[in-house]
């Protein structure tokens, strides 16, 4: 295949990879993250309404910021090293092999998470109120995306396996039908701990998410087989039945991880009081 055609094809795939957990899913995740924030950070809970309302702002930026798209995903299986269980996590080292353009086109989510975390720590240290709010918003969105299985794979929308639009069927249609159940499934008594190694944790998160892809693809095929390819109420009933527990687990983990990374940034910044920010 001509390398320029491949580049163009990957560019289209990357730019189409514009989903997340859906607006309602992102709001649900950050809502719970703020509810389980440690009491030591209780003055930051006043940001809950802002963070919930603006949970999908990073997605909206894709319409007018061309460099926003690749921040939301990483196509792990594009890289031969990942497929051989030896993923190169250093971005510069990966660029030396594949070039900056191909690395970027296939998504830069883990590195964006690490950069956003570091900038949040600095904003908290400097007690910059608006900057802290914006970075907490972005960090929660990107981290939630890292827990979405389809944000870690080349076949992010089933376009390579004859399962086109699986992304929307799963994370928008199905998710929205079961929001009350998903909300009730959150554990509100979880203990939030410091994230010891954020950069490593971000990569472990996308690896874990990637392992859920096979379950989602299999569930979609099984549901469609029972309905002769019709995406009707029975299809969604089966899809939910087969993916309910991994979905609950992913959303819960996303909320806990977001609360933990907020807590870690706050600790690294010296435990500042938000009420004193300017």
Protein backbone atom coordinates (compact mmCIF):
# COMPACT_ATOMS: atom_id res chain seq x y z
CA UNK A 1 0.00 0.00 0.00
CA UNK A 2 1.29 3.47 -0.89
CA UNK A 3 2.60 5.09 2.28
CA UNK A 4 0.87 8.38 1.50
CA UNK A 5 -2.46 6.64 1.03
CA UNK A 6 -1.95 4.85 4.35
CA UNK A 7 -1.16 8.17 5.99
CA UNK A 8 -4.36 9.67 4.56
CA UNK A 9 -6.41 6.66 5.64
CA UNK A 10 -5.10 6.82 9.17
CA UNK A 11 -5.76 10.55 9.23
CA UNK A 12 -9.41 9.93 8.39
CA UNK A 13 -9.68 7.21 11.04
CA UNK A 14 -8.11 9.44 13.66
CA UNK A 15 -10.29 12.44 12.90
CA UNK A 16 -13.41 10.30 12.94
CA UNK A 17 -12.45 8.96 16.36
CA UNK A 18 -14.34 11.77 18.03
CA UNK A 19 -16.48 9.95 20.53
CA UNK A 20 -16.04 9.50 24.28
CA UNK A 21 -18.47 8.22 26.86
CA UNK A 22 -21.07 10.55 25.43
CA UNK A 23 -21.99 13.78 27.16
CA UNK A 24 -24.22 12.12 29.74
CA UNK A 25 -21.61 9.48 30.49
CA UNK A 26 -18.88 12.07 31.06
CA UNK A 27 -21.15 14.06 33.37
CA UNK A 28 -22.01 10.94 35.35
CA UNK A 29 -18.35 10.03 35.81
CA UNK A 30 -17.15 13.45 36.99
CA UNK A 31 -20.21 13.84 39.23
CA UNK A 32 -19.26 10.69 41.09
CA UNK A 33 -15.56 11.63 41.15
CA UNK A 34 -16.40 14.85 42.96
CA UNK A 35 -18.69 13.02 45.39
CA UNK A 36 -15.89 10.69 46.49
CA UNK A 37 -13.19 13.37 46.66
CA UNK A 38 -11.39 13.11 50.04
CA UNK A 39 -12.67 15.40 52.78
CA UNK A 40 -9.29 17.09 52.82
CA UNK A 41 -10.28 18.61 49.47
CA UNK A 42 -13.86 19.48 50.43
CA UNK A 43 -13.45 23.12 49.39
CA UNK A 44 -12.87 21.91 45.81
CA UNK A 45 -16.34 20.36 45.76
CA UNK A 46 -17.73 23.80 44.96
CA UNK A 47 -16.44 23.12 41.44
CA UNK A 48 -18.80 20.18 40.97
CA UNK A 49 -21.47 22.07 39.04
CA UNK A 50 -18.88 23.63 36.74
CA UNK A 51 -17.08 20.35 36.07
CA UNK A 52 -20.32 18.49 35.39
CA UNK A 53 -21.68 21.20 33.08
CA UNK A 54 -18.38 21.49 31.18
CA UNK A 55 -17.52 17.78 31.16
CA UNK A 56 -17.67 17.58 27.35
CA UNK A 57 -15.98 20.88 26.54
CA UNK A 58 -12.84 19.09 25.25
CA UNK A 59 -15.05 17.25 22.74
CA UNK A 60 -16.60 20.51 21.58
CA UNK A 61 -13.12 21.96 20.99
CA UNK A 62 -12.60 19.42 18.20
CA UNK A 63 -14.77 21.61 15.98
CA UNK A 64 -12.36 24.53 16.02
CA UNK A 65 -9.01 23.22 17.31
CA UNK A 66 -7.39 20.88 14.81
CA UNK A 67 -4.84 19.54 17.32
CA UNK A 68 -7.55 18.44 19.77
CA UNK A 69 -8.59 15.16 18.08
CA UNK A 70 -5.58 12.96 18.90
CA UNK A 71 -5.66 13.97 22.56
CA UNK A 72 -8.65 11.72 23.22
CA UNK A 73 -7.37 8.28 22.18
CA UNK A 74 -4.42 6.04 21.38
CA UNK A 75 -4.60 3.24 18.81
CA UNK A 76 -2.36 0.87 20.72
CA UNK A 77 -2.58 -1.96 18.23
CA UNK A 78 -1.13 0.16 15.44
CA UNK A 79 2.27 -0.24 17.10
CA UNK A 80 3.98 -3.59 16.58
CA UNK A 81 5.64 -3.25 19.98
CA UNK A 82 2.25 -3.29 21.73
CA UNK A 83 1.17 -6.33 19.73
CA UNK A 84 4.37 -8.04 20.90
CA UNK A 85 3.71 -7.08 24.56
CA UNK A 86 6.53 -4.54 24.72
CA UNK A 87 4.91 -1.14 24.15
CA UNK A 88 7.30 1.82 24.00
CA UNK A 89 5.89 4.37 26.44
CA UNK A 90 8.44 7.11 25.86
CA UNK A 91 6.98 9.34 23.16
CA UNK A 92 10.31 10.55 21.80
CA UNK A 93 11.54 6.98 21.43
CA UNK A 94 8.35 6.03 19.61
CA UNK A 95 8.70 9.04 17.30
CA UNK A 96 12.21 7.95 16.35
CA UNK A 97 10.73 4.74 14.98
CA UNK A 98 7.44 5.91 13.45
CA UNK A 99 7.83 9.65 13.03
CA UNK A 100 5.93 12.41 14.80
CA UNK A 101 3.02 12.49 12.34
CA UNK A 102 2.12 8.80 12.62
CA UNK A 103 2.48 8.78 16.40
CA UNK A 104 0.19 11.81 16.63
CA UNK A 105 -2.37 10.47 14.15
CA UNK A 106 -2.67 7.28 16.19
CA UNK A 107 -3.40 9.25 19.33
CA UNK A 108 -1.45 10.82 22.17
CA UNK A 109 -3.83 10.32 25.08
CA UNK A 110 -1.42 8.95 27.75
CA UNK A 111 1.09 11.74 27.15
CA UNK A 112 -1.63 14.39 27.14
CA UNK A 113 -2.86 13.04 30.48
CA UNK A 114 0.61 13.33 31.97
CA UNK A 115 1.11 16.86 30.59
CA UNK A 116 -2.31 17.99 31.84
CA UNK A 117 -1.61 16.54 35.28
CA UNK A 118 1.71 18.40 35.54
CA UNK A 119 0.13 21.66 34.45
CA UNK A 120 -2.65 21.18 37.00
CA UNK A 121 -0.09 20.74 39.79
CA UNK A 122 1.56 24.01 38.75
CA UNK A 123 -1.74 25.88 38.53
CA UNK A 124 -2.66 24.68 42.02
CA UNK A 125 0.75 25.71 43.37
CA UNK A 126 0.29 29.18 41.91
CA UNK A 127 -3.31 29.25 43.18
CA UNK A 128 -4.66 30.13 39.74
CA UNK A 129 -8.39 29.70 40.08
CA UNK A 130 -9.57 29.72 36.46
CA UNK A 131 -6.58 27.73 35.21
CA UNK A 132 -7.14 25.11 37.90
CA UNK A 133 -10.81 24.78 36.97
CA UNK A 134 -10.03 24.40 33.27
CA UNK A 135 -7.29 21.84 33.83
CA UNK A 136 -9.42 19.80 36.22
CA UNK A 137 -12.14 19.80 33.54
CA UNK A 138 -9.73 18.66 30.83
CA UNK A 139 -8.02 16.07 33.01
CA UNK A 140 -11.33 14.47 34.01
CA UNK A 141 -12.47 14.28 30.39
CA UNK A 142 -9.25 12.80 29.03
CA UNK A 143 -9.00 10.35 31.90
CA UNK A 144 -12.57 9.21 31.36
CA UNK A 145 -11.73 8.70 27.68
CA UNK A 146 -8.79 6.51 28.71
CA UNK A 147 -11.28 4.15 30.38
CA UNK A 148 -13.36 3.84 27.18
CA UNK A 149 -12.21 0.63 25.39
CA UNK A 150 -12.86 2.00 21.90
CA UNK A 151 -10.41 4.82 22.55
CA UNK A 152 -7.52 2.34 22.61
CA UNK A 153 -7.91 0.44 19.35
CA UNK A 154 -7.64 1.01 15.58
CA UNK A 155 -11.04 -0.61 15.06
CA UNK A 156 -12.59 2.05 17.28
CA UNK A 157 -15.95 2.07 15.49
CA UNK A 158 -16.08 -1.46 14.12
CA UNK A 159 -15.16 -0.06 10.71
CA UNK A 160 -12.54 -2.77 10.21
CA UNK A 161 -14.70 -5.71 11.25
CA UNK A 162 -18.08 -5.01 9.63
CA UNK A 163 -19.50 -3.60 12.88
CA UNK A 164 -19.77 0.04 11.85
CA UNK A 165 -21.18 2.42 14.48
CA UNK A 166 -20.61 0.04 17.39
CA UNK A 167 -19.04 2.97 19.23
CA UNK A 168 -22.24 5.00 19.25
CA UNK A 169 -24.47 1.98 19.84
CA UNK A 170 -22.49 1.05 22.91
CA UNK A 171 -21.53 4.32 24.55
CA UNK A 172 -24.44 6.53 23.54
CA UNK A 173 -27.56 4.49 22.78
CA UNK A 174 -27.05 1.69 25.27
CA UNK A 175 -25.45 3.84 27.96
CA UNK A 176 -28.21 6.43 27.86
CA UNK A 177 -30.86 3.73 28.25
CA UNK A 178 -29.28 2.55 31.51
CA UNK A 179 -28.03 5.73 33.19
CA UNK A 180 -30.10 5.25 36.39
CA UNK A 181 -28.76 1.71 36.82
CA UNK A 182 -25.21 2.83 36.16
CA UNK A 183 -25.51 5.67 38.66
CA UNK A 184 -26.82 3.32 41.34
CA UNK A 185 -23.91 0.96 40.68
CA UNK A 186 -21.29 3.47 41.85
CA UNK A 187 -19.60 2.65 45.15
CA UNK A 188 -19.76 5.82 47.23
CA UNK A 189 -17.67 4.43 50.11
CA UNK A 190 -14.48 3.89 48.16
CA UNK A 191 -11.29 5.23 49.75
CA UNK A 192 -9.28 7.54 47.51
CA UNK A 193 -5.51 7.12 47.54
CA UNK A 194 -2.60 9.00 46.04
CA UNK A 195 -1.55 7.91 42.57
CA UNK A 196 2.10 7.01 43.17
CA UNK A 197 3.26 7.08 39.54
CA UNK A 198 0.80 9.02 37.35
CA UNK A 199 2.62 8.50 34.04
CA UNK A 200 2.76 4.72 34.48
CA UNK A 201 -0.83 4.66 35.73
CA UNK A 202 -2.08 6.44 32.62
CA UNK A 203 -0.54 3.76 30.42
CA UNK A 204 -1.82 0.94 32.62
CA UNK A 205 -5.29 2.45 32.29
CA UNK A 206 -5.33 2.33 28.49
CA UNK A 207 -3.90 -1.20 28.54
CA UNK A 208 -6.69 -2.31 30.87
CA UNK A 209 -9.30 -0.60 28.71
CA UNK A 210 -7.97 -2.28 25.60
CA UNK A 211 -8.59 -5.72 27.09
CA UNK A 212 -12.32 -4.93 27.24
CA UNK A 213 -12.57 -4.40 23.47
CA UNK A 214 -12.93 -8.11 22.69
CA UNK A 215 -15.92 -8.33 25.04
CA UNK A 216 -17.68 -5.40 23.36
CA UNK A 217 -17.07 -6.65 19.82
CA UNK A 218 -18.25 -10.15 20.74
CA UNK A 219 -21.36 -8.80 22.48
CA UNK A 220 -22.24 -6.70 19.43
CA UNK A 221 -21.93 -9.69 17.10
CA UNK A 222 -23.96 -11.92 19.38
CA UNK A 223 -26.74 -9.35 19.77
CA UNK A 224 -26.89 -8.63 16.04
CA UNK A 225 -27.00 -12.36 15.26
CA UNK A 226 -30.12 -12.76 17.42
CA UNK A 227 -31.88 -9.85 15.69
CA UNK A 228 -30.76 -10.60 12.12
CA UNK A 229 -28.73 -7.42 12.06
CA UNK A 230 -31.48 -5.15 13.34
CA UNK A 231 -30.49 -2.70 16.06
CA UNK A 232 -33.81 -2.87 17.82
CA UNK A 233 -34.86 -3.12 21.46
CA UNK A 234 -33.87 -6.79 21.64
CA UNK A 235 -30.41 -5.98 20.27
CA UNK A 236 -29.84 -3.39 23.01
CA UNK A 237 -31.25 -5.71 25.66
CA UNK A 238 -28.71 -8.36 24.70
CA UNK A 239 -25.87 -5.87 24.36
CA UNK A 240 -26.55 -4.58 27.87
CA UNK A 241 -26.84 -8.10 29.27
CA UNK A 242 -23.43 -9.02 27.86
CA UNK A 243 -21.58 -5.78 28.68
CA UNK A 244 -23.28 -4.52 31.85
CA UNK A 245 -20.60 -5.55 34.30
CA UNK A 246 -17.57 -4.41 32.32
CA UNK A 247 -19.35 -1.09 31.70
CA UNK A 248 -20.13 -0.58 35.37
CA UNK A 249 -16.55 -1.48 36.21
CA UNK A 250 -15.12 0.94 33.65
CA UNK A 251 -17.26 3.87 34.81
CA UNK A 252 -16.55 3.20 38.47
CA UNK A 253 -12.82 2.92 37.82
CA UNK A 254 -12.88 6.14 35.79
CA UNK A 255 -14.51 8.07 38.64
CA UNK A 256 -12.14 6.65 41.27
CA UNK A 257 -9.09 7.32 39.12
CA UNK A 258 -10.18 10.90 38.43
CA UNK A 259 -10.71 11.58 42.13
CA UNK A 260 -7.33 9.98 42.85
CA UNK A 261 -5.48 12.07 40.28
CA UNK A 262 -7.14 15.25 41.57
CA UNK A 263 -6.00 14.28 45.05
CA UNK A 264 -2.48 13.50 43.84
CA UNK A 265 -2.19 16.86 42.06
CA UNK A 266 -3.40 18.63 45.19
CA UNK A 267 -0.85 16.81 47.37
CA UNK A 268 1.95 17.57 44.90
CA UNK A 269 0.92 21.23 44.94
CA UNK A 270 1.27 21.44 48.72
CA UNK A 271 -2.40 21.02 49.75
CA UNK A 272 -3.59 24.51 48.76
CA UNK A 273 -6.97 25.87 49.86
CA UNK A 274 -9.16 26.54 46.85
CA UNK A 275 -10.99 29.34 48.68
CA UNK A 276 -7.74 31.30 48.57
CA UNK A 277 -7.25 30.96 44.82
CA UNK A 278 -7.43 34.10 42.72
